[in-house]
Amino acid sequence: GLAKAVQLAMNPRHIKYMTRLRDKLIKGVLENIPDVKLNGPTGNKRLCNNANFSFKYVEGEAIGSYLDGYGICSSTGSACSSRSLEPSHVLKAIGLSDQEAHGSLRLTLSRFTKEAEIDFVLEKLPVIVKKLRKISPLVKNV
């Protein structure tokens, strides 16, 4: 059973599809939201279904709460520390400060993710971040 599951998961068509959507998501976030950075590598060195961003001046938890209100699932930190209030040791190991780690948000795709869902995230996320930055005590003349 495990061998068949791995075989299905490694379908080149699914990987290509998820990679295209992931890259669209990454490009859209980086182009449309100021003071955000992608955590981790780009291109072939990144998992095909994962995007992790750090947003300056806001907490990832707050962004995730707003996204949840729109039915968009997300996580904060890294997968290795999703149940902890401490900054992710993985994000710290790649050089993020505590503040950057706390401002991180992870979005994960699957072969069932639709392009319209990526478009919806790209529509809502900039509005949410802008709204949170307006009320953030971390913002300095932004």
Protein backbone atom coordinates (compact mmCIF):
# COMPACT_ATOMS: atom_id res chain seq x y z
CA GLY A 1 0.00 0.00 0.00
CA LEU A 2 2.78 2.46 0.88
CA ALA A 3 4.55 1.81 -2.43
CA LYS A 4 1.36 2.57 -4.34
CA ALA A 5 0.78 5.75 -2.30
CA VAL A 6 4.31 6.96 -3.08
CA GLN A 7 3.82 6.11 -6.75
CA LEU A 8 0.60 8.14 -6.87
CA ALA A 9 2.18 11.06 -4.99
CA MET A 10 5.12 11.19 -7.40
CA ASN A 11 2.94 11.61 -10.49
CA PRO A 12 4.89 14.09 -12.67
CA ARG A 13 1.65 15.66 -13.90
CA HIS A 14 0.52 16.44 -10.35
CA ILE A 15 3.95 17.78 -9.38
CA LYS A 16 4.05 20.05 -12.43
CA TYR A 17 0.52 21.32 -11.69
CA MET A 18 1.24 22.05 -8.02
CA THR A 19 4.55 23.71 -8.91
CA ARG A 20 2.79 26.05 -11.33
CA LEU A 21 0.18 27.03 -8.73
CA ARG A 22 2.83 27.40 -6.02
CA ASP A 23 4.87 29.71 -8.24
CA LYS A 24 1.77 31.75 -9.09
CA LEU A 25 1.01 32.11 -5.38
CA ILE A 26 4.58 33.11 -4.51
CA LYS A 27 4.83 35.61 -7.34
CA GLY A 28 1.44 37.14 -6.52
CA VAL A 29 2.23 37.57 -2.83
CA LEU A 30 5.70 39.03 -3.40
CA GLU A 31 4.46 41.44 -6.09
CA ASN A 32 1.33 42.64 -4.31
CA ILE A 33 2.28 42.89 -0.65
CA PRO A 34 5.10 45.15 0.54
CA ASP A 35 7.51 44.05 3.27
CA VAL A 36 7.07 40.32 2.74
CA LYS A 37 9.68 37.71 1.98
CA LEU A 38 9.63 34.09 0.93
CA ASN A 39 11.21 31.75 3.46
CA GLY A 40 13.30 28.98 1.99
CA PRO A 41 14.56 28.23 -1.48
CA THR A 42 12.93 28.88 -4.84
CA GLY A 43 12.48 26.74 -7.92
CA ASN A 44 13.34 23.01 -7.90
CA LYS A 45 14.85 23.24 -4.41
CA ARG A 46 11.43 24.00 -2.90
CA LEU A 47 8.64 21.48 -2.29
CA CYS A 48 6.09 21.70 -5.09
CA ASN A 49 3.21 22.27 -2.67
CA ASN A 50 4.55 24.72 -0.09
CA ALA A 51 4.97 28.46 0.33
CA ASN A 52 6.12 30.04 3.57
CA PHE A 53 6.24 33.83 3.90
CA SER A 54 7.31 36.29 6.59
CA PHE A 55 5.20 39.45 6.81
CA LYS A 56 6.78 42.44 8.52
CA TYR A 57 4.78 44.25 11.21
CA VAL A 58 2.09 41.57 11.69
CA GLU A 59 1.70 38.23 13.39
CA GLY A 60 1.14 35.16 11.25
CA GLU A 61 -1.54 34.00 13.71
CA ALA A 62 -3.61 37.14 13.04
CA ILE A 63 -3.31 36.71 9.27
CA GLY A 64 -4.32 33.06 9.61
CA SER A 65 -7.37 33.98 11.68
CA TYR A 66 -8.60 36.39 9.02
CA LEU A 67 -7.89 33.87 6.25
CA ASP A 68 -9.85 31.26 8.19
CA GLY A 69 -12.85 33.60 8.10
CA TYR A 70 -12.75 33.31 4.33
CA GLY A 71 -12.39 29.53 4.43
CA ILE A 72 -8.67 29.66 3.58
CA CYS A 73 -6.55 27.23 5.58
CA SER A 74 -3.04 28.24 6.62
CA SER A 75 -0.50 27.59 9.34
CA THR A 76 2.08 29.68 11.11
CA GLY A 77 5.74 28.92 11.59
CA SER A 78 7.01 25.72 10.08
CA ALA A 79 5.37 22.31 10.06
CA CYS A 80 7.86 21.24 12.72
CA SER A 81 6.59 23.74 15.30
CA SER A 82 2.92 24.25 14.52
CA ARG A 83 1.79 23.48 18.09
CA SER A 84 4.26 25.76 19.86
CA LEU A 85 4.10 29.45 20.76
CA GLU A 86 7.88 29.63 20.51
CA PRO A 87 9.36 30.85 17.23
CA SER A 88 9.95 27.96 14.85
CA HIS A 89 13.42 26.50 15.33
CA VAL A 90 13.44 25.70 11.61
CA LEU A 91 12.75 29.31 10.62
CA LYS A 92 15.32 30.47 13.19
CA ALA A 93 17.87 28.05 11.69
CA ILE A 94 17.47 29.65 8.25
CA GLY A 95 18.28 33.02 9.77
CA LEU A 96 14.93 34.57 10.66
CA SER A 97 14.60 36.78 13.72
CA ASP A 98 11.95 36.00 16.34
CA GLN A 99 9.77 38.75 14.89
CA GLU A 100 10.12 37.38 11.33
CA ALA A 101 9.36 33.86 12.53
CA HIS A 102 6.25 35.07 14.38
CA GLY A 103 5.17 36.93 11.23
CA SER A 104 5.38 33.82 9.11
CA LEU A 105 2.54 32.05 7.37
CA ARG A 106 2.58 28.73 5.53
CA LEU A 107 0.22 27.94 2.67
CA THR A 108 0.14 24.40 1.36
CA LEU A 109 -1.36 23.16 -1.89
CA SER A 110 -2.38 19.74 -3.16
CA ARG A 111 -3.17 18.21 -6.50
CA PHE A 112 -6.79 19.09 -5.72
CA THR A 113 -6.11 22.82 -5.28
CA LYS A 114 -7.82 24.87 -7.98
CA GLU A 115 -6.35 27.93 -9.67
CA ALA A 116 -9.43 29.90 -8.60
CA GLU A 117 -8.49 29.15 -4.98
CA ILE A 118 -5.03 30.65 -5.53
CA ASP A 119 -6.67 33.70 -7.13
CA PHE A 120 -8.96 34.01 -4.09
CA VAL A 121 -5.99 33.94 -1.70
CA LEU A 122 -4.21 36.56 -3.82
CA GLU A 123 -7.34 38.73 -3.65
CA LYS A 124 -7.86 38.46 0.13
CA LEU A 125 -4.33 38.27 1.55
CA PRO A 126 -3.14 41.79 0.57
CA VAL A 127 -6.31 43.31 2.05
CA ILE A 128 -5.87 41.36 5.30
CA VAL A 129 -2.21 42.30 5.68
CA LYS A 130 -2.94 45.97 4.97
CA LYS A 131 -5.75 45.97 7.53
CA LEU A 132 -3.59 44.35 10.20
CA ARG A 133 -0.70 46.70 9.57
CA LYS A 134 -2.98 49.69 10.13
CA ILE A 135 -3.58 48.53 13.69
CA SER A 136 -0.17 47.00 14.38
CA PRO A 137 1.99 48.52 17.11
CA LEU A 138 5.00 47.14 15.19
CA VAL A 139 4.57 49.52 12.26
CA LYS A 140 6.95 52.45 12.12
CA ASN A 141 5.75 55.09 9.64
CA VAL A 142 4.55 52.58 7.08
